[in-house]
Amino acid sequence: MRILQVNKFHYARGGADKYYLSLGRALEASGNEVAYFSMRHPKNEATPYAKYFVSRLSFNEGGFKDKLKTPGRMIYSLEAKRKFKKLVVDFKPDIIHIHNIYHQISPSILDVAKKAGIPVVMHVHDYKLICPNYQLFAHGEICEACKPHKYYKCVQKKCFKDSRSKSFLAALEMYLHHSVLKIYERNISAFITPSTFMKSKLVEWGWPADKIKVIVNPFDAQMSLSSKEITPSLEKYLLYFGRLSEEKGLKTLIEAAALTGTKLKFVGDGPQKIELDTLAKKINADLEFLGFKSGEELKQIILKARTVVIPSIWHENMPLSLLEALNLGKVVIASNIGGIPEIIKDGENGLLFIPGDIQDLVRKINDLDILDLAAISQRAQASVKNFNEPENLRQVNKLYQEILDKKNTPE
């Protein structure tokens, strides 16, 4: 099978980009021919298809003239359309699998696929199909004000980076793509969501349920351990690893750690770091920032932690940190929100608490002293045993084949 993978970043910038690259490698390893379409960037992984990539677009760089061109490119990039058409003609894919194409690439490429008669699968990594700011979260709380298709609410609330002008552009983009052009609706054969929760949200906004397939993203194979290797935690700290930003609910975690007198470690970076550090010092919380970690170094930090905490206050989809921690046999305390309770069953393979509720989180931390953590740890690892790369690849390949069979079956 000839598969064209599309994503705006061709390096491991975030979870979606990491998955796009790992899926491409897995598809190649299983005998498929894989091509890539992305944006030029100095951090990109090497690929012979880089000659087709669109020019770099950064919202923080460039002069006044470049910034004037940005809105048009975000909404419908003629450069991307032209270069994508060239790649499609040269590579002749059987199927196209797109990931994140917003802004830097734009959905103009979907018209190319449609004209060429090539089916498209879209992997939905965030809420951008229904929310102008990607998150269904604004100004510190869950936000579904735009449902259904009332994108002007984004401008009223300044949901996009707290800017009226940027929110206007984001709302305009949504109206053009979904109400006028219907470019995603017309040109995509199937959508993949990593959680049933995300699928349910898309359906609430009017997307067809029969075109949405739930396939959970796999955990990193490096984050593995046999059940016999799982041992009691060496240290007593609570661990959070991921982005340091408002929607992650980290203030709640700091407050709870201070009230229980528990050591807390954060792995990662983000825009809220200074604010979190200030709060920790103000309330005398024992918080240590470890910065960005990955691979074996991150694995050892996770293994030594007493528990991993995921205190999100937004509709988490299916956080990779959750799957990785469970696969390492860690007892996870997580917010009962979004796709998380699809994996965590309270008291069985982890603990759930009310999002943003400091006292409920304190209770869960204190419960660690009376629960059979070894038993929970074993069940934690068992609960994610099927969320591995081979199983993910099997399900993706199955979907590809179903779409191609349908395309080739006369009506």
Protein backbone atom coordinates (compact mmCIF):
# COMPACT_ATOMS: atom_id res chain seq x y z
CA MET A 1 0.00 0.00 0.00
CA ARG A 2 1.22 3.51 -0.80
CA ILE A 3 0.42 5.85 2.09
CA LEU A 4 0.93 9.62 2.24
CA GLN A 5 1.30 10.90 5.82
CA VAL A 6 0.67 14.62 6.40
CA ASN A 7 1.48 16.75 9.45
CA LYS A 8 2.61 20.35 9.87
CA PHE A 9 5.72 19.39 11.89
CA HIS A 10 8.17 16.71 10.77
CA TYR A 11 9.96 16.50 14.09
CA ALA A 12 8.84 15.37 17.55
CA ARG A 13 7.56 18.76 18.72
CA GLY A 14 4.59 17.32 20.64
CA GLY A 15 2.57 14.17 21.13
CA ALA A 16 0.73 14.36 17.80
CA ASP A 17 3.96 14.88 15.87
CA LYS A 18 5.65 12.03 17.73
CA TYR A 19 2.78 9.72 16.80
CA TYR A 20 2.79 10.82 13.14
CA LEU A 21 6.49 9.95 12.86
CA SER A 22 6.26 6.65 14.75
CA LEU A 23 3.23 5.56 12.69
CA GLY A 24 5.11 6.35 9.49
CA ARG A 25 8.06 4.21 10.61
CA ALA A 26 5.75 1.36 11.64
CA LEU A 27 3.92 1.47 8.30
CA GLU A 28 7.24 1.33 6.43
CA ALA A 29 8.52 -1.53 8.60
CA SER A 30 5.42 -3.56 7.78
CA GLY A 31 6.06 -3.35 4.04
CA ASN A 32 4.17 -0.24 2.97
CA GLU A 33 5.57 2.63 0.90
CA VAL A 34 5.25 5.86 2.89
CA ALA A 35 5.71 9.46 1.77
CA TYR A 36 5.50 12.59 3.92
CA PHE A 37 4.18 16.12 3.46
CA SER A 38 4.97 18.78 6.05
CA MET A 39 6.48 22.23 6.64
CA ARG A 40 10.15 23.10 6.32
CA HIS A 41 11.92 23.48 9.65
CA PRO A 42 15.56 23.20 10.79
CA LYS A 43 14.59 20.54 13.36
CA ASN A 44 12.89 18.27 10.81
CA GLU A 45 13.92 14.64 10.50
CA ALA A 46 15.64 13.87 7.21
CA THR A 47 13.40 12.67 4.39
CA PRO A 48 13.69 12.60 0.59
CA TYR A 49 10.24 14.21 0.47
CA ALA A 50 11.44 17.46 2.08
CA LYS A 51 11.66 19.03 -1.39
CA TYR A 52 7.85 19.06 -1.49
CA PHE A 53 7.39 20.68 1.94
CA VAL A 54 5.78 24.11 2.29
CA SER A 55 7.84 27.08 3.41
CA ARG A 56 8.14 27.75 7.10
CA LEU A 57 5.43 29.81 8.78
CA SER A 58 6.07 31.10 12.29
CA PHE A 59 3.62 33.37 14.06
CA ASN A 60 6.43 34.89 16.11
CA GLU A 61 8.80 35.68 13.25
CA GLY A 62 8.80 37.60 9.97
CA GLY A 63 8.22 41.20 9.03
CA PHE A 64 5.06 43.20 8.46
CA LYS A 65 4.55 41.94 4.88
CA ASP A 66 4.85 38.32 6.01
CA LYS A 67 2.28 38.88 8.74
CA LEU A 68 -0.15 40.32 6.17
CA LYS A 69 0.09 37.07 4.19
CA THR A 70 -0.51 34.86 7.22
CA PRO A 71 -4.35 34.97 7.38
CA GLY A 72 -4.73 33.88 3.76
CA ARG A 73 -2.28 31.03 4.16
CA MET A 74 -3.96 29.88 7.38
CA ILE A 75 -7.36 29.67 5.74
CA TYR A 76 -6.45 28.31 2.29
CA SER A 77 -2.79 27.93 1.34
CA LEU A 78 -2.21 28.03 -2.40
CA GLU A 79 1.45 27.11 -1.88
CA ALA A 80 0.49 23.97 0.05
CA LYS A 81 -2.10 23.07 -2.59
CA ARG A 82 0.42 23.43 -5.41
CA LYS A 83 3.21 21.46 -3.72
CA PHE A 84 0.87 18.78 -2.44
CA LYS A 85 -0.51 18.27 -5.95
CA LYS A 86 3.04 17.75 -7.23
CA LEU A 87 3.71 15.13 -4.52
CA VAL A 88 0.42 13.33 -5.20
CA VAL A 89 1.20 13.17 -8.93
CA ASP A 90 4.74 11.88 -8.28
CA PHE A 91 4.00 9.43 -5.43
CA LYS A 92 0.52 8.22 -6.47
CA PRO A 93 -0.73 7.29 -2.98
CA ASP A 94 -3.51 4.79 -2.37
CA ILE A 95 -4.59 6.62 0.76
CA ILE A 96 -3.76 9.89 2.54
CA HIS A 97 -3.56 10.10 6.34
CA ILE A 98 -3.58 13.65 7.71
CA HIS A 99 -2.80 14.67 11.27
CA ASN A 100 -2.45 18.35 12.26
CA ILE A 101 -2.64 20.57 9.18
CA TYR A 102 -4.23 23.71 10.66
CA HIS A 103 -2.64 27.09 9.88
CA GLN A 104 0.80 26.05 8.57
CA ILE A 105 -0.59 23.78 5.81
CA SER A 106 -4.37 24.44 5.75
CA PRO A 107 -7.11 22.20 4.31
CA SER A 108 -6.47 23.39 0.75
CA ILE A 109 -4.71 20.05 0.21
CA LEU A 110 -8.02 18.22 0.71
CA ASP A 111 -9.32 19.60 -2.57
CA VAL A 112 -6.29 18.06 -4.29
CA ALA A 113 -7.04 14.65 -2.77
CA LYS A 114 -10.71 14.88 -3.74
CA LYS A 115 -9.93 15.78 -7.34
CA ALA A 116 -7.43 12.90 -7.57
CA GLY A 117 -9.97 10.46 -6.13
CA ILE A 118 -7.75 9.49 -3.19
CA PRO A 119 -9.50 8.77 0.13
CA VAL A 120 -8.39 10.72 3.20
CA VAL A 121 -8.24 9.62 6.83
CA MET A 122 -7.94 12.36 9.45
CA HIS A 123 -6.41 11.68 12.85
CA VAL A 124 -8.10 14.06 15.31
CA HIS A 125 -5.53 14.98 17.96
CA ASP A 126 -7.39 17.98 19.46
CA TYR A 127 -10.75 19.79 19.35
CA LYS A 128 -9.94 22.18 16.49
CA LEU A 129 -12.71 20.75 14.28
CA ILE A 130 -15.27 22.15 16.74
CA CYS A 131 -13.41 24.78 18.79
CA PRO A 132 -11.54 27.83 17.43
CA ASN A 133 -8.91 27.62 20.19
CA TYR A 134 -8.40 23.83 19.98
CA GLN A 135 -9.18 23.06 23.66
CA LEU A 136 -12.83 23.62 24.66
CA PHE A 137 -11.17 25.56 27.48
CA ALA A 138 -10.87 29.32 27.96
CA HIS A 139 -10.08 31.70 30.80
CA GLY A 140 -9.52 28.92 33.32
CA GLU A 141 -12.61 26.81 32.67
CA ILE A 142 -14.32 24.38 30.30
CA CYS A 143 -15.91 26.34 27.44
CA GLU A 144 -18.48 25.06 24.95
CA ALA A 145 -19.98 28.45 24.14
CA CYS A 146 -19.57 27.94 20.38
CA LYS A 147 -21.81 24.85 20.28
CA PRO A 148 -23.20 24.42 17.72
CA HIS A 149 -21.35 26.54 15.16
CA LYS A 150 -21.69 29.84 17.06
CA TYR A 151 -18.06 30.78 16.49
CA TYR A 152 -18.70 34.50 17.04
CA LYS A 153 -18.73 33.62 20.76
CA CYS A 154 -14.97 33.11 20.46
CA VAL A 155 -14.60 36.78 19.53
CA GLN A 156 -16.90 37.93 22.33
CA LYS A 157 -14.93 35.96 24.92
CA LYS A 158 -11.48 36.51 23.35
CA CYS A 159 -10.91 32.77 23.59
CA PHE A 160 -7.89 32.67 21.28
CA LYS A 161 -4.83 33.88 23.21
CA ASP A 162 -7.01 36.49 24.96
CA SER A 163 -6.89 38.60 21.79
CA ARG A 164 -9.93 40.05 20.03
CA SER A 165 -8.19 40.23 16.64
CA LYS A 166 -6.74 36.70 16.84
CA SER A 167 -10.08 35.36 18.05
CA PHE A 168 -11.78 37.06 15.10
CA LEU A 169 -9.39 35.39 12.67
CA ALA A 170 -9.89 32.00 14.38
CA ALA A 171 -13.69 32.39 14.21
CA LEU A 172 -13.54 33.49 10.56
CA GLU A 173 -11.46 30.42 9.75
CA MET A 174 -14.07 28.16 11.38
CA TYR A 175 -16.98 29.79 9.53
CA LEU A 176 -15.22 29.52 6.16
CA HIS A 177 -14.03 25.94 6.64
CA HIS A 178 -17.16 24.46 8.21
CA SER A 179 -20.13 26.65 7.28
CA VAL A 180 -19.18 27.93 3.82
CA LEU A 181 -16.67 25.57 2.19
CA LYS A 182 -17.43 22.50 4.35
CA ILE A 183 -13.99 21.41 3.25
CA TYR A 184 -13.39 18.80 5.96
CA GLU A 185 -16.93 17.48 5.80
CA ARG A 186 -16.82 16.98 2.01
CA ASN A 187 -13.35 15.54 1.60
CA ILE A 188 -12.61 13.14 4.47
CA SER A 189 -13.60 9.47 4.35
CA ALA A 190 -12.99 8.67 8.02
CA PHE A 191 -11.85 10.27 11.26
CA ILE A 192 -9.79 8.62 13.99
CA THR A 193 -10.17 9.77 17.60
CA PRO A 194 -8.00 8.39 20.44
CA SER A 195 -10.93 8.33 22.89
CA THR A 196 -14.66 7.65 22.93
CA PHE A 197 -15.08 10.96 24.75
CA MET A 198 -13.60 12.92 21.86
CA LYS A 199 -15.83 11.05 19.42
CA SER A 200 -18.87 11.94 21.53
CA LYS A 201 -17.93 15.63 21.46
CA LEU A 202 -17.59 15.62 17.67
CA VAL A 203 -20.98 13.93 17.36
CA GLU A 204 -22.52 16.55 19.70
CA TRP A 205 -21.36 19.21 17.23
CA GLY A 206 -22.93 17.38 14.30
CA TRP A 207 -20.13 15.22 12.91
CA PRO A 208 -21.38 11.81 11.66
CA ALA A 209 -20.77 9.02 14.18
CA ASP A 210 -20.46 6.37 11.48
CA LYS A 211 -17.39 8.12 10.03
CA ILE A 212 -15.52 8.26 13.36
CA LYS A 213 -13.36 5.33 14.51
CA VAL A 214 -11.88 5.19 18.02
CA ILE A 215 -8.27 3.96 18.02
CA VAL A 216 -6.26 4.66 21.17
CA ASN A 217 -2.75 6.00 20.53
CA PRO A 218 0.01 3.63 21.69
CA PHE A 219 2.42 4.26 24.52
CA ASP A 220 6.13 4.62 23.78
CA ALA A 221 7.74 1.17 23.60
CA GLN A 222 10.61 2.57 25.70
CA MET A 223 8.16 3.05 28.56
CA SER A 224 7.78 -0.69 29.16
CA LEU A 225 8.51 -3.03 32.03
CA SER A 226 7.56 -6.65 32.63
CA SER A 227 5.19 -7.29 35.54
CA LYS A 228 8.00 -9.18 37.32
CA GLU A 229 10.22 -6.08 37.20
CA ILE A 230 7.72 -3.83 39.00
CA THR A 231 8.97 -2.99 42.49
CA PRO A 232 7.73 -0.65 45.24
CA SER A 233 8.62 3.00 44.69
CA LEU A 234 12.02 3.98 46.02
CA GLU A 235 11.01 7.51 46.96
CA LYS A 236 7.84 9.18 48.24
CA TYR A 237 7.40 12.07 45.83
CA LEU A 238 4.36 12.81 43.69
CA LEU A 239 5.18 13.24 40.00
CA TYR A 240 3.62 15.22 37.18
CA PHE A 241 5.20 15.07 33.73
CA GLY A 242 3.93 17.09 30.80
CA ARG A 243 3.24 20.68 29.76
CA LEU A 244 3.14 23.32 32.50
CA SER A 245 0.02 25.23 31.50
CA GLU A 246 -3.27 26.38 32.99
CA GLU A 247 -5.52 23.62 31.64
CA LYS A 248 -3.36 20.97 33.33
CA GLY A 249 -4.68 21.94 36.79
CA LEU A 250 -1.26 22.12 38.42
CA LYS A 251 -2.26 24.73 41.00
CA THR A 252 -4.66 22.19 42.47
CA LEU A 253 -1.83 19.66 42.72
CA ILE A 254 0.54 22.13 44.39
CA GLU A 255 -2.11 23.08 46.97
CA ALA A 256 -2.86 19.42 47.74
CA ALA A 257 0.82 18.52 48.02
CA ALA A 258 1.35 21.38 50.48
CA LEU A 259 -1.61 20.29 52.62
CA THR A 260 -0.33 16.70 52.80
CA GLY A 261 3.32 17.67 53.27
CA THR A 262 4.30 15.61 50.23
CA LYS A 263 7.32 16.17 48.01
CA LEU A 264 6.32 17.12 44.45
CA LYS A 265 8.32 16.95 41.22
CA PHE A 266 7.40 18.46 37.84
CA VAL A 267 8.98 17.21 34.61
CA GLY A 268 8.42 19.46 31.60
CA ASP A 269 8.15 23.14 30.78
CA GLY A 270 5.52 25.63 29.74
CA PRO A 271 4.07 29.13 30.08
CA GLN A 272 2.86 28.67 33.67
CA LYS A 273 6.20 27.70 35.22
CA ILE A 274 6.95 31.04 36.92
CA GLU A 275 3.40 31.33 38.26
CA LEU A 276 3.55 27.79 39.67
CA ASP A 277 6.94 28.40 41.27
CA THR A 278 5.60 31.57 42.91
CA LEU A 279 2.58 29.72 44.29
CA ALA A 280 4.71 26.88 45.66
CA LYS A 281 6.99 29.31 47.51
CA LYS A 282 4.03 31.28 48.85
CA ILE A 283 2.38 28.24 50.47
CA ASN A 284 5.64 26.42 51.31
CA ALA A 285 5.02 23.51 48.97
CA ASP A 286 8.04 21.24 48.43
CA LEU A 287 8.19 21.50 44.63
CA GLU A 288 11.15 20.67 42.40
CA PHE A 289 11.23 21.52 38.68
CA LEU A 290 13.29 18.97 36.74
CA GLY A 291 12.86 20.45 33.26
CA PHE A 292 12.35 18.44 30.09
CA LYS A 293 13.25 14.75 30.30
CA SER A 294 12.76 11.86 27.91
CA GLY A 295 13.69 8.25 27.26
CA GLU A 296 15.40 6.23 29.98
CA GLU A 297 15.95 9.28 32.18
CA LEU A 298 12.21 10.01 32.30
CA LYS A 299 11.43 6.34 32.80
CA GLN A 300 13.60 6.16 35.92
CA ILE A 301 12.00 9.30 37.38
CA ILE A 302 8.56 7.74 36.87
CA LEU A 303 9.60 4.42 38.41
CA LYS A 304 10.98 6.07 41.55
CA ALA A 305 7.84 8.16 42.15
CA ARG A 306 5.26 7.06 44.67
CA THR A 307 2.49 8.01 42.27
CA VAL A 308 1.90 9.96 39.07
CA VAL A 309 -0.76 12.69 39.22
CA ILE A 310 -2.72 14.00 36.21
CA PRO A 311 -4.80 16.89 37.65
CA SER A 312 -6.29 18.27 34.41
CA ILE A 313 -9.21 20.70 34.46
CA TRP A 314 -9.92 20.53 30.72
CA HIS A 315 -11.38 17.75 28.55
CA GLU A 316 -8.24 15.63 28.27
CA ASN A 317 -8.45 13.38 25.24
CA MET A 318 -6.22 10.40 26.01
CA PRO A 319 -2.98 11.71 27.57
CA LEU A 320 0.12 9.77 26.62
CA SER A 321 1.50 10.38 30.11
CA LEU A 322 -1.40 8.35 31.53
CA LEU A 323 -0.75 5.35 29.28
CA GLU A 324 3.01 5.46 29.90
CA ALA A 325 2.63 5.65 33.68
CA LEU A 326 0.12 2.79 33.78
CA ASN A 327 2.31 0.65 31.54
CA LEU A 328 5.15 1.11 34.04
CA GLY A 329 2.84 -0.14 36.79
CA LYS A 330 2.48 3.22 38.51
CA VAL A 331 -0.53 4.05 40.64
CA VAL A 332 -2.03 7.09 38.89
CA ILE A 333 -4.23 9.70 40.56
CA ALA A 334 -6.11 11.50 37.79
CA SER A 335 -8.97 13.93 37.25
CA ASN A 336 -12.30 12.33 36.41
CA ILE A 337 -12.60 14.22 33.14
CA GLY A 338 -12.53 13.75 29.36
CA GLY A 339 -11.21 10.40 28.15
CA ILE A 340 -9.37 9.58 31.39
CA PRO A 341 -12.17 7.52 33.04
CA GLU A 342 -12.26 5.32 29.93
CA ILE A 343 -8.96 3.91 31.20
CA ILE A 344 -8.89 4.57 34.97
CA LYS A 345 -11.48 2.79 37.12
CA ASP A 346 -11.40 4.34 40.57
CA GLY A 347 -9.86 2.02 43.17
CA GLU A 348 -9.14 -0.71 40.63
CA ASN A 349 -6.24 0.34 38.39
CA GLY A 350 -5.82 3.89 39.71
CA LEU A 351 -7.61 6.68 41.53
CA LEU A 352 -9.95 9.39 40.21
CA PHE A 353 -10.74 12.72 41.85
CA ILE A 354 -13.07 15.62 41.13
CA PRO A 355 -11.30 18.06 38.74
CA GLY A 356 -10.04 21.17 40.53
CA ASP A 357 -11.15 19.89 43.97
CA ILE A 358 -8.17 20.29 46.30
CA GLN A 359 -9.75 18.44 49.23
CA ASP A 360 -10.76 15.46 47.09
CA LEU A 361 -7.21 15.22 45.77
CA VAL A 362 -5.90 15.40 49.36
CA ARG A 363 -8.16 12.45 50.25
CA LYS A 364 -6.81 10.43 47.34
CA ILE A 365 -3.20 11.18 48.31
CA ASN A 366 -3.92 10.09 51.89
CA ASP A 367 -5.60 6.92 50.59
CA LEU A 368 -2.20 5.80 49.31
CA ASP A 369 -1.34 4.87 52.92
CA ILE A 370 -4.21 2.37 53.26
CA LEU A 371 -4.66 0.89 49.78
CA ASP A 372 -3.04 -2.25 48.38
CA LEU A 373 -0.79 -0.38 45.98
CA ALA A 374 0.91 -3.54 44.70
CA ALA A 375 -2.42 -4.95 43.53
CA ILE A 376 -3.46 -1.64 41.93
CA SER A 377 -0.07 -1.48 40.22
CA GLN A 378 -0.51 -4.92 38.66
CA ARG A 379 -4.00 -4.05 37.43
CA ALA A 380 -2.73 -0.70 36.11
CA GLN A 381 -0.23 -2.36 33.83
CA ALA A 382 -2.71 -5.03 32.71
CA SER A 383 -5.28 -2.37 31.77
CA VAL A 384 -3.13 -0.92 28.98
CA LYS A 385 -1.51 -4.08 27.62
CA ASN A 386 -3.34 -3.73 24.28
CA PHE A 387 -2.40 -0.08 23.75
CA ASN A 388 0.88 -0.94 22.05
CA GLU A 389 2.31 -0.03 18.66
CA PRO A 390 1.60 -3.38 16.90
CA GLU A 391 -2.07 -3.30 17.95
CA ASN A 392 -2.39 0.36 16.94
CA LEU A 393 -0.85 -0.43 13.55
CA ARG A 394 -3.22 -3.38 13.07
CA GLN A 395 -6.27 -1.20 13.69
CA VAL A 396 -5.04 1.62 11.43
CA ASN A 397 -4.26 -0.83 8.62
CA LYS A 398 -7.69 -2.40 9.02
CA LEU A 399 -9.34 1.02 8.65
CA TYR A 400 -7.25 1.79 5.54
CA GLN A 401 -8.35 -1.49 3.96
CA GLU A 402 -12.02 -0.94 4.79
CA ILE A 403 -11.90 2.49 3.14
CA LEU A 404 -10.14 1.18 0.02
CA ASP A 405 -12.54 -1.77 -0.24
CA LYS A 406 -15.48 0.62 -0.05
CA LYS A 407 -13.92 2.87 -2.69
CA ASN A 408 -13.41 -0.07 -5.05
CA THR A 409 -16.85 -1.61 -4.51
CA PRO A 410 -19.39 -0.51 -7.14
CA GLU A 411 -22.52 1.03 -5.65
